[in-house]
C-alpha atoms as a PDB file:
ATOM      1  CA  MET A   1      28.340   8.810 -11.155  1.00  0.00           C
ATOM      2  CA  SER A   2      25.436  10.050 -13.275  1.00  0.00           C
ATOM      3  CA  CYS A   3      21.853  10.270 -12.210  1.00  0.00           C
ATOM      4  CA  SER A   4      18.543  10.834 -13.973  1.00  0.00           C
ATOM      5  CA  LEU A   5      16.083  13.447 -12.868  1.00  0.00           C
ATOM      6  CA  ILE A   6      12.488  12.293 -12.987  1.00  0.00           C
ATOM      7  CA  SER A   7       9.497  14.539 -12.498  1.00  0.00           C
ATOM      8  CA  ILE A   8       6.199  12.961 -11.486  1.00  0.00           C
ATOM      9  CA  THR A   9       2.779  14.605 -11.592  1.00  0.00           C
ATOM     10  CA  LEU A  10      -0.269  12.862 -10.146  1.00  0.00           C
ATOM     11  CA  LEU A  11      -3.802  13.942 -10.993  1.00  0.00           C
ATOM     12  CA  VAL A  12      -6.445  12.366  -8.798  1.00  0.00           C
ATOM     13  CA  PHE A  13     -10.042  12.504 -10.035  1.00  0.00           C
ATOM     14  CA  SER A  14     -12.763  12.203  -7.451  1.00  0.00           C
ATOM     15  CA  SER A  15     -16.387  13.360  -7.266  1.00  0.00           C
ATOM     16  CA  GLY A  16     -16.149  15.615 -10.298  1.00  0.00           C
ATOM     17  CA  PHE A  17     -12.986  17.454  -9.308  1.00  0.00           C
ATOM     18  CA  TYR A  18      -9.275  16.807  -9.259  1.00  0.00           C
ATOM     19  CA  PHE A  19      -6.255  18.008  -7.425  1.00  0.00           C
ATOM     20  CA  LEU A  20      -2.587  18.098  -8.321  1.00  0.00           C
ATOM     21  CA  SER A  21      -0.213  16.274  -6.043  1.00  0.00           C
ATOM     22  CA  SER A  22       3.534  16.726  -6.347  1.00  0.00           C
ATOM     23  CA  ILE A  23       5.856  13.962  -5.172  1.00  0.00           C
ATOM     24  CA  ALA A  24       9.095  15.034  -3.507  1.00  0.00           C
ATOM     25  CA  LEU A  25      12.124  12.936  -4.361  1.00  0.00           C
ATOM     26  CA  ALA A  26      14.375  14.501  -1.747  1.00  0.00           C
ATOM     27  CA  THR A  27      13.837  14.701   2.007  1.00  0.00           C
ATOM     28  CA  PRO A  28      15.397  17.311   4.313  1.00  0.00           C
ATOM     29  CA  SER A  29      17.876  16.025   6.890  1.00  0.00           C
ATOM     30  CA  SER A  30      15.652  17.211   9.758  1.00  0.00           C
ATOM     31  CA  TYR A  31      11.939  16.392   9.672  1.00  0.00           C
ATOM     32  CA  ASN A  32       9.305  15.171  12.095  1.00  0.00           C
ATOM     33  CA  PHE A  33       7.704  11.726  12.383  1.00  0.00           C
ATOM     34  CA  GLY A  34       4.620  12.822  10.454  1.00  0.00           C
ATOM     35  CA  GLN A  35       6.804  13.769   7.502  1.00  0.00           C
ATOM     36  CA  GLN A  36       8.692  10.505   7.922  1.00  0.00           C
ATOM     37  CA  ALA A  37       5.443   8.543   7.581  1.00  0.00           C
ATOM     38  CA  ASN A  38       4.537  10.457   4.423  1.00  0.00           C
ATOM     39  CA  THR A  39       8.022   9.877   3.033  1.00  0.00           C
ATOM     40  CA  LYS A  40       7.703   6.130   3.591  1.00  0.00           C
ATOM     41  CA  THR A  41       4.438   6.020   1.650  1.00  0.00           C
ATOM     42  CA  THR A  42       5.843   8.226  -1.130  1.00  0.00           C
ATOM     43  CA  ASN A  43       8.912   6.028  -1.493  1.00  0.00           C
ATOM     44  CA  ALA A  44       6.677   2.969  -1.687  1.00  0.00           C
ATOM     45  CA  GLU A  45       4.744   4.584  -4.547  1.00  0.00           C
ATOM     46  CA  LEU A  46       7.974   5.496  -6.316  1.00  0.00           C
ATOM     47  CA  ALA A  47       9.142   1.919  -5.919  1.00  0.00           C
ATOM     48  CA  SER A  48       6.290   0.808  -8.180  1.00  0.00           C
ATOM     49  CA  ILE A  49       7.606   2.817 -11.124  1.00  0.00           C
ATOM     50  CA  GLY A  50       9.343   0.577 -13.643  1.00  0.00           C
ATOM     51  CA  ASN A  51      12.908   1.040 -14.935  1.00  0.00           C
ATOM     52  CA  ARG A  52      13.903   2.514 -11.614  1.00  0.00           C
ATOM     53  CA  ASN A  53      17.225   2.872  -9.853  1.00  0.00           C
ATOM     54  CA  TYR A  54      16.605   2.877  -6.121  1.00  0.00           C
ATOM     55  CA  SER A  55      17.314   0.994  -2.949  1.00  0.00           C
ATOM     56  CA  SER A  56      14.393  -0.404  -0.926  1.00  0.00           C
ATOM     57  CA  PRO A  57      14.645  -1.862   2.584  1.00  0.00           C
ATOM     58  CA  GLN A  58      14.431  -5.624   3.145  1.00  0.00           C
ATOM     59  CA  LYS A  59      13.552  -6.654  -0.426  1.00  0.00           C
ATOM     60  CA  HIS A  60      12.710 -10.260  -1.244  1.00  0.00           C
ATOM     61  CA  LEU A  61      12.386 -10.862  -4.998  1.00  0.00           C
ATOM     62  CA  ILE A  62      11.490 -14.219  -6.545  1.00  0.00           C
ATOM     63  CA  LYS A  63      11.165 -14.279 -10.308  1.00  0.00           C
ATOM     64  CA  GLY A  64       8.295 -16.179 -11.898  1.00  0.00           C
ATOM     65  CA  PRO A  65       4.965 -15.831 -13.701  1.00  0.00           C
ATOM     66  CA  SER A  66       2.714 -12.925 -12.790  1.00  0.00           C
ATOM     67  CA  LEU A  67      -0.138 -15.096 -11.500  1.00  0.00           C
ATOM     68  CA  THR A  68       0.258 -18.148  -9.281  1.00  0.00           C
ATOM     69  CA  ASN A  69      -1.697 -20.358  -6.912  1.00  0.00           C
ATOM     70  CA  ALA A  70       1.294 -20.695  -4.580  1.00  0.00           C
ATOM     71  CA  PHE A  71       1.143 -18.298  -1.642  1.00  0.00           C
ATOM     72  CA  ALA A  72       3.512 -17.430   1.182  1.00  0.00           C
ATOM     73  CA  THR A  73       2.495 -16.012   4.570  1.00  0.00           C
ATOM     74  CA  TYR A  74       3.494 -12.622   5.952  1.00  0.00           C
ATOM     75  CA  GLU A  75       3.187 -11.880   9.661  1.00  0.00           C
ATOM     76  CA  ASN A  76       3.562  -8.620  11.544  1.00  0.00           C
ATOM     77  CA  PRO A  77       3.432  -9.242  15.301  1.00  0.00           C
ATOM     78  CA  THR A  78       3.620  -5.523  16.103  1.00  0.00           C
ATOM     79  CA  TYR A  79       0.177  -4.890  14.644  1.00  0.00           C
ATOM     80  CA  GLY A  80      -1.114  -8.475  14.795  1.00  0.00           C
ATOM     81  CA  ILE A  81      -1.424  -8.879  11.017  1.00  0.00           C
ATOM     82  CA  THR A  82      -1.247 -12.079   9.008  1.00  0.00           C
ATOM     83  CA  ILE A  83      -1.803 -12.158   5.230  1.00  0.00           C
ATOM     84  CA  LYS A  84      -1.000 -14.474   2.347  1.00  0.00           C
ATOM     85  CA  TYR A  85       0.694 -13.194  -0.797  1.00  0.00           C
ATOM     86  CA  PRO A  86       1.914 -14.771  -4.093  1.00  0.00           C
ATOM     87  CA  TYR A  87       5.306 -16.379  -3.508  1.00  0.00           C
ATOM     88  CA  ASN A  88       6.758 -14.726  -6.629  1.00  0.00           C
ATOM     89  CA  TRP A  89       5.740 -11.189  -5.638  1.00  0.00           C
ATOM     90  CA  GLU A  90       8.304  -8.860  -4.141  1.00  0.00           C
ATOM     91  CA  LYS A  91       7.829  -8.213  -0.430  1.00  0.00           C
ATOM     92  CA  ILE A  92       9.157  -4.902   0.872  1.00  0.00           C
ATOM     93  CA  GLU A  93       9.006  -4.396   4.627  1.00  0.00           C
ATOM     94  CA  TYR A  94       9.458  -1.051   6.366  1.00  0.00           C
ATOM     95  CA  PRO A  95      10.707  -0.242   9.874  1.00  0.00           C
ATOM     96  CA  SER A  96       7.851   0.644  12.194  1.00  0.00           C
ATOM     97  CA  ILE A  97       7.489   4.280  13.248  1.00  0.00           C
ATOM     98  CA  GLY A  98       4.628   3.723  15.686  1.00  0.00           C
ATOM     99  CA  LEU A  99       1.321   5.578  15.767  1.00  0.00           C
ATOM    100  CA  SER A 100       2.269   7.378  18.952  1.00  0.00           C
ATOM    101  CA  ALA A 101       4.717   9.459  16.912  1.00  0.00           C
ATOM    102  CA  ALA A 102       3.070   9.545  13.461  1.00  0.00           C
ATOM    103  CA  VAL A 103      -0.365   9.730  11.860  1.00  0.00           C
ATOM    104  CA  SER A 104       0.271   6.577   9.828  1.00  0.00           C
ATOM    105  CA  ASP A 105       2.693   3.681   9.752  1.00  0.00           C
ATOM    106  CA  LEU A 106       3.509   1.970   6.457  1.00  0.00           C
ATOM    107  CA  ILE A 107       4.134  -1.713   7.186  1.00  0.00           C
ATOM    108  CA  VAL A 108       4.666  -3.669   3.979  1.00  0.00           C
ATOM    109  CA  ASN A 109       4.229  -3.504   0.210  1.00  0.00           C
ATOM    110  CA  PHE A 110       3.720  -6.492  -2.096  1.00  0.00           C
ATOM    111  CA  GLU A 111       4.690  -5.843  -5.733  1.00  0.00           C
ATOM    112  CA  ALA A 112       3.816  -7.971  -8.762  1.00  0.00           C
ATOM    113  CA  PRO A 113       6.698  -9.147 -10.978  1.00  0.00           C
ATOM    114  CA  VAL A 114       7.807  -6.865 -13.802  1.00  0.00           C
ATOM    115  CA  VAL A 115       5.900  -7.759 -16.975  1.00  0.00           C
ATOM    116  CA  ASN A 116       8.625  -6.591 -19.358  1.00  0.00           C
ATOM    117  CA  ALA A 117      11.744  -4.441 -19.376  1.00  0.00           C
ATOM    118  CA  SER A 118       9.865  -1.377 -20.611  1.00  0.00           C
ATOM    119  CA  ASP A 119       7.168  -1.594 -17.958  1.00  0.00           C
ATOM    120  CA  HIS A 120       6.481   1.716 -16.204  1.00  0.00           C
ATOM    121  CA  TRP A 121       4.451   0.399 -13.284  1.00  0.00           C
ATOM    122  CA  ARG A 122       4.285  -2.580 -10.960  1.00  0.00           C
ATOM    123  CA  GLU A 123       0.896  -3.455  -9.527  1.00  0.00           C
ATOM    124  CA  HIS A 124       1.010  -3.669  -5.743  1.00  0.00           C
ATOM    125  CA  LEU A 125      -0.869  -4.094  -2.486  1.00  0.00           C
ATOM    126  CA  MET A 126       0.273  -1.782   0.287  1.00  0.00           C
ATOM    127  CA  ILE A 127      -0.647  -2.101   3.982  1.00  0.00           C
ATOM    128  CA  GLN A 128      -0.463   0.734   6.450  1.00  0.00           C
ATOM    129  CA  VAL A 129      -1.991   1.539   9.843  1.00  0.00           C
ATOM    130  CA  LEU A 130      -3.614   4.916  10.508  1.00  0.00           C
ATOM    131  CA  ASN A 131      -4.479   6.702  13.717  1.00  0.00           C
ATOM    132  CA  GLN A 132      -8.033   7.904  14.330  1.00  0.00           C
ATOM    133  CA  ALA A 133      -7.478  11.448  13.047  1.00  0.00           C
ATOM    134  CA  GLN A 134      -6.008  10.256   9.756  1.00  0.00           C
ATOM    135  CA  ALA A 135      -8.656   7.567   9.313  1.00  0.00           C
ATOM    136  CA  LYS A 136     -11.413  10.182   9.478  1.00  0.00           C
ATOM    137  CA  LYS A 137     -10.121  11.628   6.193  1.00  0.00           C
ATOM    138  CA  LEU A 138     -11.013   8.434   4.321  1.00  0.00           C
ATOM    139  CA  ILE A 139     -14.240   8.719   2.314  1.00  0.00           C
ATOM    140  CA  PRO A 140     -15.973   5.356   1.783  1.00  0.00           C
ATOM    141  CA  GLN A 141     -18.072   4.416  -1.239  1.00  0.00           C
ATOM    142  CA  ASN A 142     -19.231   0.964  -0.181  1.00  0.00           C
ATOM    143  CA  GLU A 143     -19.306  -1.301   2.849  1.00  0.00           C
ATOM    144  CA  THR A 144     -17.523  -4.659   2.855  1.00  0.00           C
ATOM    145  CA  THR A 145     -15.652  -6.996   5.203  1.00  0.00           C
ATOM    146  CA  LEU A 146     -11.928  -7.285   5.854  1.00  0.00           C
ATOM    147  CA  GLY A 147     -10.233  -9.684   8.197  1.00  0.00           C
ATOM    148  CA  GLY A 148     -13.640 -10.848   9.383  1.00  0.00           C
ATOM    149  CA  MET A 149     -14.550  -7.322  10.473  1.00  0.00           C
ATOM    150  CA  HIS A 150     -16.835  -4.631   9.092  1.00  0.00           C
ATOM    151  CA  ALA A 151     -14.930  -2.534   6.548  1.00  0.00           C
ATOM    152  CA  TYR A 152     -15.223   0.127   3.865  1.00  0.00           C
ATOM    153  CA  LYS A 153     -14.038   0.318   0.271  1.00  0.00           C
ATOM    154  CA  ARG A 154     -13.289   3.047  -2.246  1.00  0.00           C
ATOM    155  CA  VAL A 155     -12.214   2.803  -5.897  1.00  0.00           C
ATOM    156  CA  GLU A 156     -10.966   5.780  -7.900  1.00  0.00           C
ATOM    157  CA  ASN A 157      -9.018   6.614 -11.056  1.00  0.00           C
ATOM    158  CA  SER A 158      -5.922   8.770 -11.338  1.00  0.00           C
ATOM    159  CA  THR A 159      -3.396   9.838 -13.956  1.00  0.00           C
ATOM    160  CA  MET A 160       0.345   9.913 -13.398  1.00  0.00           C
ATOM    161  CA  GLU A 161       2.739  11.593 -15.788  1.00  0.00           C
ATOM    162  CA  ILE A 162       6.369  10.519 -15.659  1.00  0.00           C
ATOM    163  CA  SER A 163       8.772  12.952 -17.294  1.00  0.00           C
ATOM    164  CA  ASN A 164      12.365  11.919 -17.913  1.00  0.00           C
ATOM    165  CA  LEU A 165      14.257  15.192 -18.218  1.00  0.00           C
ATOM    166  CA  ASP A 166      17.366  13.468 -19.580  1.00  0.00           C
ATOM    167  CA  THR A 167      15.597  12.033 -22.629  1.00  0.00           C
ATOM    168  CA  ASN A 168      12.903  14.730 -22.749  1.00  0.00           C
ATOM    169  CA  THR A 169      10.165  12.099 -22.889  1.00  0.00           C
ATOM    170  CA  GLN A 170       6.884  11.752 -21.047  1.00  0.00           C
ATOM    171  CA  THR A 171       4.816   8.724 -20.163  1.00  0.00           C
ATOM    172  CA  LYS A 172       1.212   8.977 -19.057  1.00  0.00           C
ATOM    173  CA  LEU A 173      -0.159   6.243 -16.822  1.00  0.00           C
ATOM    174  CA  ASP A 174      -3.877   5.737 -16.212  1.00  0.00           C
ATOM    175  CA  LEU A 175      -4.083   4.159 -12.762  1.00  0.00           C
ATOM    176  CA  LYS A 176      -6.895   2.632 -10.752  1.00  0.00           C
ATOM    177  CA  THR A 177      -6.799   2.434  -6.968  1.00  0.00           C
ATOM    178  CA  MET A 178      -8.860   0.403  -4.521  1.00  0.00           C
ATOM    179  CA  ASP A 179      -8.683   1.271  -0.822  1.00  0.00           C
ATOM    180  CA  VAL A 180     -10.136  -1.134   1.731  1.00  0.00           C
ATOM    181  CA  TRP A 181      -9.981  -0.393   5.439  1.00  0.00           C
ATOM    182  CA  THR A 182     -11.264  -1.530   8.816  1.00  0.00           C
ATOM    183  CA  THR A 183     -10.828  -0.308  12.395  1.00  0.00           C
ATOM    184  CA  ASN A 184     -10.227  -2.540  15.407  1.00  0.00           C
ATOM    185  CA  CYS A 185     -11.360  -2.003  18.992  1.00  0.00           C
ATOM    186  CA  ASN A 186      -8.177  -0.084  19.836  1.00  0.00           C
ATOM    187  CA  GLY A 187      -8.996   2.562  17.233  1.00  0.00           C
ATOM    188  CA  ASN A 188      -6.262   1.559  14.777  1.00  0.00           C
ATOM    189  CA  THR A 189      -7.365   1.619  11.141  1.00  0.00           C
ATOM    190  CA  TYR A 190      -5.815  -0.929   8.783  1.00  0.00           C
ATOM    191  CA  LEU A 191      -5.691   0.430   5.226  1.00  0.00           C
ATOM    192  CA  LEU A 192      -4.924  -1.879   2.303  1.00  0.00           C
ATOM    193  CA  THR A 193      -4.342  -0.149  -1.037  1.00  0.00           C
ATOM    194  CA  TYR A 194      -4.289  -1.920  -4.392  1.00  0.00           C
ATOM    195  CA  LYS A 195      -2.993   0.226  -7.249  1.00  0.00           C
ATOM    196  CA  ALA A 196      -2.673  -0.910 -10.863  1.00  0.00           C
ATOM    197  CA  VAL A 197      -2.484   0.372 -14.401  1.00  0.00           C
ATOM    198  CA  ASN A 198      -6.090   0.632 -15.489  1.00  0.00           C
ATOM    199  CA  SER A 199      -5.725  -1.938 -18.258  1.00  0.00           C
ATOM    200  CA  ARG A 200      -4.326  -4.529 -15.811  1.00  0.00           C
ATOM    201  CA  TYR A 201      -6.544  -3.771 -12.812  1.00  0.00           C
ATOM    202  CA  ALA A 202      -9.070  -6.546 -13.522  1.00  0.00           C
ATOM    203  CA  TYR A 203      -6.303  -9.016 -14.388  1.00  0.00           C
ATOM    204  CA  TYR A 204      -4.723  -8.855 -10.940  1.00  0.00           C
ATOM    205  CA  LEU A 205      -7.974  -8.321  -9.012  1.00  0.00           C
ATOM    206  CA  PRO A 206      -8.646 -12.058  -8.300  1.00  0.00           C
ATOM    207  CA  THR A 207      -5.175 -12.380  -6.764  1.00  0.00           C
ATOM    208  CA  ILE A 208      -5.672  -9.220  -4.730  1.00  0.00           C
ATOM    209  CA  GLN A 209      -9.036 -10.507  -3.527  1.00  0.00           C
ATOM    210  CA  LYS A 210      -7.421 -13.750  -2.327  1.00  0.00           C
ATOM    211  CA  MET A 211      -4.918 -11.667  -0.395  1.00  0.00           C
ATOM    212  CA  LEU A 212      -7.653  -9.558   1.158  1.00  0.00           C
ATOM    213  CA  ASP A 213      -9.693 -12.631   2.071  1.00  0.00           C
ATOM    214  CA  SER A 214      -6.676 -14.174   3.785  1.00  0.00           C
ATOM    215  CA  LEU A 215      -6.035 -11.169   6.027  1.00  0.00           C
ATOM    216  CA  LYS A 216      -6.274 -11.806   9.754  1.00  0.00           C
ATOM    217  CA  ILE A 217      -6.031  -9.091  12.393  1.00  0.00           C
ATOM    218  CA  ALA A 218      -5.557 -10.022  16.028  1.00  0.00           C
ATOM    219  CA  ASP A 219      -8.558  -8.704  17.970  1.00  0.00           C
ATOM    220  CA  ASP A 220      -7.319  -7.629  21.381  1.00  0.00           C
ATOM    221  CA  CYS A 221     -10.887  -6.981  22.532  1.00  0.00           C
ATOM    222  CA  VAL A 222     -11.930 -10.559  21.784  1.00  0.00           C
ATOM    223  CA  ASN A 223      -8.795 -11.846  23.535  1.00  0.00           C
ATOM    224  CA  GLN A 224      -9.517  -9.685  26.562  1.00  0.00           C
ATOM    225  CA  GLN A 225     -13.158 -10.826  26.711  1.00  0.00           C
ATOM    226  CA  SER A 226     -12.050 -14.452  26.409  1.00  0.00           C
ATOM    227  CA  GLN A 227      -9.587 -14.013  29.281  1.00  0.00           C
ATOM    228  CA  LEU A 228     -12.265 -12.367  31.438  1.00  0.00           C
ATOM    229  CA  SER A 229     -14.691 -15.170  30.630  1.00  0.00           C
ATOM    230  CA  ARG A 230     -12.181 -17.824  31.712  1.00  0.00           C
ATOM    231  CA  ALA A 231     -11.370 -15.866  34.865  1.00  0.00           C
ATOM    232  CA  THR A 232     -15.021 -15.743  35.988  1.00  0.00           C
ATOM    233  CA  HIS A 233     -15.556 -19.472  35.554  1.00  0.00           C
END
């Protein structure tokens, strides 16, 4: 069985400086839950690279046009999340780690259909939950709303270089990322990340906005207050 070795370099530009981030394709047999959370997110990013040969957990692929008005509903009872997504997008769910053991928990990734066979990237919306320490590292640019709650947003550009060592070729991708996040009364931060090739960012943005607008997060504080109110009457 033959395999291809792919090297990926990610340059993230922010506030006049950039840093180099290397993506590990192999994971040691023994690692802690924090590393496991990072590995889940890394694998989700790698899953967006076109022409790939990989196995993702719980994949649901429906072929069709890239934009549609037909939406399905995704629910995650563990974190009380409900969101609508295009029926022809690929839904990839991940086993929950739990914030008691990790700094973040990647829940689900929704990937747009492949545009053509030579496509190097699939636009996607990723949802993960962060603990308070990890959420403090997020740097907002603007205020917004998400799931009916006060939220923050950040948009930045990055460059990813994909080197295929077998064919000795390189592909440079100019990416644009939008992070939107909100924190509930329990201190959990819900981070939704939309990442697209720069030239297609605006094309998918209306669909992404519909997904963001449809998000609902169960508010345990409101439920508790409602139960207390009924108990006192």
